[in-house]
Amino acid sequence: MNAFVWIGLSTELGVLVYIAVYFGAYLKQNYNWDNATVALLVVFFMIWVLQLIFLVKKWQKK
């Protein structure tokens, strides 16, 4: 696999973590939802892993 793909995936994961922490803090402050950050991190990580699995299967076909 190409190194640029791994750099892109790791950058995307970092951006998703940043969004989850920022938006989770917003939800906790304004809506008093204590587990917002954890819930968003779990959802974003599941989406990222599914995307990674899809890309690996796609690359294996080539």
PDB file of N, CA and C in Angstrom:
ATOM      1  N   MET A   1       0.828  -1.180   0.000  1.00  0.00           N
ATOM      2  CA  MET A   1       0.000   0.000   0.000  1.00  0.00           C
ATOM      3  C   MET A   1       0.875   1.247   0.000  1.00  0.00           C
ATOM      4  N   ASN A   2       0.319   2.272  -0.524  1.00  0.00           N
ATOM      5  CA  ASN A   2       1.047   3.509  -0.681  1.00  0.00           C
ATOM      6  C   ASN A   2       1.159   4.242   0.659  1.00  0.00           C
ATOM      7  N   ALA A   3       2.318   4.856   0.886  1.00  0.00           N
ATOM      8  CA  ALA A   3       2.524   5.592   2.140  1.00  0.00           C
ATOM      9  C   ALA A   3       1.596   6.798   2.237  1.00  0.00           C
ATOM     10  N   PHE A   4       1.276   7.394   1.095  1.00  0.00           N
ATOM     11  CA  PHE A   4       0.384   8.552   1.117  1.00  0.00           C
ATOM     12  C   PHE A   4      -1.018   8.172   1.597  1.00  0.00           C
ATOM     13  N   VAL A   5      -1.430   6.958   1.304  1.00  0.00           N
ATOM     14  CA  VAL A   5      -2.743   6.498   1.763  1.00  0.00           C
ATOM     15  C   VAL A   5      -2.750   6.388   3.283  1.00  0.00           C
ATOM     16  N   TRP A   6      -1.683   5.835   3.854  1.00  0.00           N
ATOM     17  CA  TRP A   6      -1.609   5.713   5.310  1.00  0.00           C
ATOM     18  C   TRP A   6      -1.530   7.081   5.976  1.00  0.00           C
ATOM     19  N   ILE A   7      -0.808   8.008   5.359  1.00  0.00           N
ATOM     20  CA  ILE A   7      -0.743   9.370   5.900  1.00  0.00           C
ATOM     21  C   ILE A   7      -2.127  10.013   5.856  1.00  0.00           C
ATOM     22  N   GLY A   8      -2.840   9.803   4.758  1.00  0.00           N
ATOM     23  CA  GLY A   8      -4.192  10.349   4.640  1.00  0.00           C
ATOM     24  C   GLY A   8      -5.145   9.761   5.659  1.00  0.00           C
ATOM     25  N   LEU A   9      -5.053   8.449   5.874  1.00  0.00           N
ATOM     26  CA  LEU A   9      -5.938   7.800   6.850  1.00  0.00           C
ATOM     27  C   LEU A   9      -5.635   8.255   8.275  1.00  0.00           C
ATOM     28  N   SER A  10      -4.359   8.393   8.598  1.00  0.00           N
ATOM     29  CA  SER A  10      -4.020   8.838   9.951  1.00  0.00           C
ATOM     30  C   SER A  10      -4.412  10.296  10.164  1.00  0.00           C
ATOM     31  N   THR A  11      -4.271  11.112   9.120  1.00  0.00           N
ATOM     32  CA  THR A  11      -4.708  12.506   9.223  1.00  0.00           C
ATOM     33  C   THR A  11      -6.217  12.578   9.410  1.00  0.00           C
ATOM     34  N   GLU A  12      -6.933  11.751   8.667  1.00  0.00           N
ATOM     35  CA  GLU A  12      -8.390  11.726   8.801  1.00  0.00           C
ATOM     36  C   GLU A  12      -8.798  11.303  10.208  1.00  0.00           C
ATOM     37  N   LEU A  13      -8.113  10.313  10.757  1.00  0.00           N
ATOM     38  CA  LEU A  13      -8.429   9.875  12.117  1.00  0.00           C
ATOM     39  C   LEU A  13      -8.178  10.998  13.118  1.00  0.00           C
ATOM     40  N   GLY A  14      -7.089  11.721  12.938  1.00  0.00           N
ATOM     41  CA  GLY A  14      -6.803  12.852  13.819  1.00  0.00           C
ATOM     42  C   GLY A  14      -7.867  13.929  13.742  1.00  0.00           C
ATOM     43  N   VAL A  15      -8.333  14.210  12.537  1.00  0.00           N
ATOM     44  CA  VAL A  15      -9.384  15.218  12.358  1.00  0.00           C
ATOM     45  C   VAL A  15     -10.686  14.742  12.998  1.00  0.00           C
ATOM     46  N   LEU A  16     -11.009  13.471  12.844  1.00  0.00           N
ATOM     47  CA  LEU A  16     -12.229  12.941  13.458  1.00  0.00           C
ATOM     48  C   LEU A  16     -12.167  13.001  14.980  1.00  0.00           C
ATOM     49  N   VAL A  17     -11.003  12.712  15.542  1.00  0.00           N
ATOM     50  CA  VAL A  17     -10.850  12.798  16.999  1.00  0.00           C
ATOM     51  C   VAL A  17     -11.013  14.244  17.457  1.00  0.00           C
ATOM     52  N   TYR A  18     -10.428  15.175  16.717  1.00  0.00           N
ATOM     53  CA  TYR A  18     -10.558  16.596  17.065  1.00  0.00           C
ATOM     54  C   TYR A  18     -12.022  17.034  17.027  1.00  0.00           C
ATOM     55  N   ILE A  19     -12.733  16.640  15.980  1.00  0.00           N
ATOM     56  CA  ILE A  19     -14.150  16.999  15.862  1.00  0.00           C
ATOM     57  C   ILE A  19     -14.955  16.384  17.004  1.00  0.00           C
ATOM     58  N   ALA A  20     -14.675  15.122  17.326  1.00  0.00           N
ATOM     59  CA  ALA A  20     -15.419  14.451  18.395  1.00  0.00           C
ATOM     60  C   ALA A  20     -15.196  15.130  19.738  1.00  0.00           C
ATOM     61  N   VAL A  21     -13.961  15.497  20.031  1.00  0.00           N
ATOM     62  CA  VAL A  21     -13.673  16.142  21.313  1.00  0.00           C
ATOM     63  C   VAL A  21     -14.301  17.533  21.369  1.00  0.00           C
ATOM     64  N   TYR A  22     -14.168  18.288  20.300  1.00  0.00           N
ATOM     65  CA  TYR A  22     -14.713  19.650  20.275  1.00  0.00           C
ATOM     66  C   TYR A  22     -16.242  19.635  20.358  1.00  0.00           C
ATOM     67  N   PHE A  23     -16.880  18.823  19.521  1.00  0.00           N
ATOM     68  CA  PHE A  23     -18.339  18.770  19.511  1.00  0.00           C
ATOM     69  C   PHE A  23     -18.880  18.119  20.782  1.00  0.00           C
ATOM     70  N   GLY A  24     -18.144  17.136  21.317  1.00  0.00           N
ATOM     71  CA  GLY A  24     -18.551  16.527  22.581  1.00  0.00           C
ATOM     72  C   GLY A  24     -18.526  17.521  23.729  1.00  0.00           C
ATOM     73  N   ALA A  25     -17.507  18.379  23.749  1.00  0.00           N
ATOM     74  CA  ALA A  25     -17.457  19.422  24.782  1.00  0.00           C
ATOM     75  C   ALA A  25     -18.610  20.408  24.614  1.00  0.00           C
ATOM     76  N   TYR A  26     -18.953  20.717  23.374  1.00  0.00           N
ATOM     77  CA  TYR A  26     -20.090  21.607  23.110  1.00  0.00           C
ATOM     78  C   TYR A  26     -21.395  20.989  23.617  1.00  0.00           C
ATOM     79  N   LEU A  27     -21.597  19.700  23.318  1.00  0.00           N
ATOM     80  CA  LEU A  27     -22.819  19.032  23.771  1.00  0.00           C
ATOM     81  C   LEU A  27     -22.881  18.938  25.293  1.00  0.00           C
ATOM     82  N   LYS A  28     -21.738  18.700  25.914  1.00  0.00           N
ATOM     83  CA  LYS A  28     -21.730  18.617  27.372  1.00  0.00           C
ATOM     84  C   LYS A  28     -22.039  19.972  27.995  1.00  0.00           C
ATOM     85  N   GLN A  29     -21.487  21.028  27.437  1.00  0.00           N
ATOM     86  CA  GLN A  29     -21.697  22.354  28.010  1.00  0.00           C
ATOM     87  C   GLN A  29     -23.127  22.848  27.798  1.00  0.00           C
ATOM     88  N   ASN A  30     -23.670  22.649  26.612  1.00  0.00           N
ATOM     89  CA  ASN A  30     -24.971  23.233  26.297  1.00  0.00           C
ATOM     90  C   ASN A  30     -26.156  22.312  26.575  1.00  0.00           C
ATOM     91  N   TYR A  31     -25.945  21.004  26.479  1.00  0.00           N
ATOM     92  CA  TYR A  31     -27.066  20.072  26.648  1.00  0.00           C
ATOM     93  C   TYR A  31     -26.873  19.114  27.820  1.00  0.00           C
ATOM     94  N   ASN A  32     -25.781  19.284  28.555  1.00  0.00           N
ATOM     95  CA  ASN A  32     -25.475  18.476  29.737  1.00  0.00           C
ATOM     96  C   ASN A  32     -25.458  16.975  29.426  1.00  0.00           C
ATOM     97  N   TRP A  33     -24.892  16.631  28.280  1.00  0.00           N
ATOM     98  CA  TRP A  33     -24.745  15.225  27.901  1.00  0.00           C
ATOM     99  C   TRP A  33     -23.325  14.804  28.251  1.00  0.00           C
ATOM    100  N   ASP A  34     -23.184  14.062  29.344  1.00  0.00           N
ATOM    101  CA  ASP A  34     -21.861  13.766  29.893  1.00  0.00           C
ATOM    102  C   ASP A  34     -21.018  12.860  29.002  1.00  0.00           C
ATOM    103  N   ASN A  35     -21.638  11.914  28.330  1.00  0.00           N
ATOM    104  CA  ASN A  35     -20.888  10.934  27.550  1.00  0.00           C
ATOM    105  C   ASN A  35     -20.824  11.270  26.066  1.00  0.00           C
ATOM    106  N   ALA A  36     -20.994  12.516  25.715  1.00  0.00           N
ATOM    107  CA  ALA A  36     -21.034  12.895  24.303  1.00  0.00           C
ATOM    108  C   ALA A  36     -19.704  12.636  23.609  1.00  0.00           C
ATOM    109  N   THR A  37     -18.604  12.999  24.248  1.00  0.00           N
ATOM    110  CA  THR A  37     -17.295  12.824  23.621  1.00  0.00           C
ATOM    111  C   THR A  37     -16.995  11.348  23.398  1.00  0.00           C
ATOM    112  N   VAL A  38     -17.271  10.530  24.386  1.00  0.00           N
ATOM    113  CA  VAL A  38     -17.011   9.092  24.258  1.00  0.00           C
ATOM    114  C   VAL A  38     -17.875   8.486  23.162  1.00  0.00           C
ATOM    115  N   ALA A  39     -19.134   8.866  23.121  1.00  0.00           N
ATOM    116  CA  ALA A  39     -20.034   8.331  22.097  1.00  0.00           C
ATOM    117  C   ALA A  39     -19.577   8.734  20.699  1.00  0.00           C
ATOM    118  N   LEU A  40     -19.190   9.985  20.533  1.00  0.00           N
ATOM    119  CA  LEU A  40     -18.723  10.433  19.219  1.00  0.00           C
ATOM    120  C   LEU A  40     -17.413   9.760  18.830  1.00  0.00           C
ATOM    121  N   LEU A  41     -16.505   9.581  19.787  1.00  0.00           N
ATOM    122  CA  LEU A  41     -15.249   8.891  19.482  1.00  0.00           C
ATOM    123  C   LEU A  41     -15.501   7.458  19.029  1.00  0.00           C
ATOM    124  N   VAL A  42     -16.411   6.769  19.695  1.00  0.00           N
ATOM    125  CA  VAL A  42     -16.726   5.383  19.322  1.00  0.00           C
ATOM    126  C   VAL A  42     -17.336   5.328  17.925  1.00  0.00           C
ATOM    127  N   VAL A  43     -18.281   6.211  17.648  1.00  0.00           N
ATOM    128  CA  VAL A  43     -18.931   6.217  16.328  1.00  0.00           C
ATOM    129  C   VAL A  43     -17.931   6.547  15.230  1.00  0.00           C
ATOM    130  N   PHE A  44     -17.123   7.584  15.432  1.00  0.00           N
ATOM    131  CA  PHE A  44     -16.149   7.971  14.412  1.00  0.00           C
ATOM    132  C   PHE A  44     -15.095   6.889  14.206  1.00  0.00           C
ATOM    133  N   PHE A  45     -14.663   6.225  15.296  1.00  0.00           N
ATOM    134  CA  PHE A  45     -13.667   5.169  15.153  1.00  0.00           C
ATOM    135  C   PHE A  45     -14.250   3.973  14.406  1.00  0.00           C
ATOM    136  N   MET A  46     -15.521   3.652  14.669  1.00  0.00           N
ATOM    137  CA  MET A  46     -16.156   2.553  13.936  1.00  0.00           C
ATOM    138  C   MET A  46     -16.252   2.880  12.450  1.00  0.00           C
ATOM    139  N   ILE A  47     -16.608   4.109  12.124  1.00  0.00           N
ATOM    140  CA  ILE A  47     -16.676   4.517  10.718  1.00  0.00           C
ATOM    141  C   ILE A  47     -15.298   4.435  10.082  1.00  0.00           C
ATOM    142  N   TRP A  48     -14.264   4.871  10.802  1.00  0.00           N
ATOM    143  CA  TRP A  48     -12.900   4.848  10.265  1.00  0.00           C
ATOM    144  C   TRP A  48     -12.433   3.410  10.026  1.00  0.00           C
ATOM    145  N   VAL A  49     -12.734   2.512  10.960  1.00  0.00           N
ATOM    146  CA  VAL A  49     -12.336   1.106  10.807  1.00  0.00           C
ATOM    147  C   VAL A  49     -13.073   0.466   9.635  1.00  0.00           C
ATOM    148  N   LEU A  50     -14.364   0.748   9.483  1.00  0.00           N
ATOM    149  CA  LEU A  50     -15.105   0.201   8.343  1.00  0.00           C
ATOM    150  C   LEU A  50     -14.541   0.718   7.022  1.00  0.00           C
ATOM    151  N   GLN A  51     -14.158   1.983   6.995  1.00  0.00           N
ATOM    152  CA  GLN A  51     -13.537   2.536   5.795  1.00  0.00           C
ATOM    153  C   GLN A  51     -12.206   1.848   5.518  1.00  0.00           C
ATOM    154  N   LEU A  52     -11.422   1.599   6.547  1.00  0.00           N
ATOM    155  CA  LEU A  52     -10.140   0.918   6.379  1.00  0.00           C
ATOM    156  C   LEU A  52     -10.340  -0.501   5.860  1.00  0.00           C
ATOM    157  N   ILE A  53     -11.318  -1.221   6.396  1.00  0.00           N
ATOM    158  CA  ILE A  53     -11.605  -2.579   5.927  1.00  0.00           C
ATOM    159  C   ILE A  53     -12.022  -2.558   4.463  1.00  0.00           C
ATOM    160  N   PHE A  54     -12.875  -1.615   4.097  1.00  0.00           N
ATOM    161  CA  PHE A  54     -13.309  -1.493   2.708  1.00  0.00           C
ATOM    162  C   PHE A  54     -12.124  -1.218   1.780  1.00  0.00           C
ATOM    163  N   LEU A  55     -11.227  -0.322   2.182  1.00  0.00           N
ATOM    164  CA  LEU A  55     -10.075  -0.003   1.338  1.00  0.00           C
ATOM    165  C   LEU A  55      -9.123  -1.186   1.210  1.00  0.00           C
ATOM    166  N   VAL A  56      -8.908  -1.931   2.294  1.00  0.00           N
ATOM    167  CA  VAL A  56      -8.018  -3.093   2.234  1.00  0.00           C
ATOM    168  C   VAL A  56      -8.596  -4.153   1.312  1.00  0.00           C
ATOM    169  N   LYS A  57      -9.899  -4.397   1.401  1.00  0.00           N
ATOM    170  CA  LYS A  57     -10.521  -5.372   0.497  1.00  0.00           C
ATOM    171  C   LYS A  57     -10.416  -4.913  -0.954  1.00  0.00           C
ATOM    172  N   LYS A  58     -10.550  -3.627  -1.178  1.00  0.00           N
ATOM    173  CA  LYS A  58     -10.438  -3.087  -2.531  1.00  0.00           C
ATOM    174  C   LYS A  58      -9.019  -3.263  -3.062  1.00  0.00           C
ATOM    175  N   TRP A  59      -8.016  -3.023  -2.202  1.00  0.00           N
ATOM    176  CA  TRP A  59      -6.627  -3.157  -2.637  1.00  0.00           C
ATOM    177  C   TRP A  59      -6.246  -4.617  -2.857  1.00  0.00           C
ATOM    178  N   GLN A  60      -6.855  -5.545  -2.124  1.00  0.00           N
ATOM    179  CA  GLN A  60      -6.529  -6.950  -2.286  1.00  0.00           C
ATOM    180  C   GLN A  60      -7.005  -7.488  -3.627  1.00  0.00           C
ATOM    181  N   LYS A  61      -8.030  -6.876  -4.194  1.00  0.00           N
ATOM    182  CA  LYS A  61      -8.541  -7.329  -5.487  1.00  0.00           C
ATOM    183  C   LYS A  61      -7.596  -6.971  -6.623  1.00  0.00           C
ATOM    184  N   LYS A  62      -6.769  -5.952  -6.421  1.00  0.00           N
ATOM    185  CA  LYS A  62      -5.854  -5.524  -7.490  1.00  0.00           C
ATOM    186  C   LYS A  62      -4.638  -6.388  -7.570  1.00  0.00           C
TER     187      LYS A  62
END
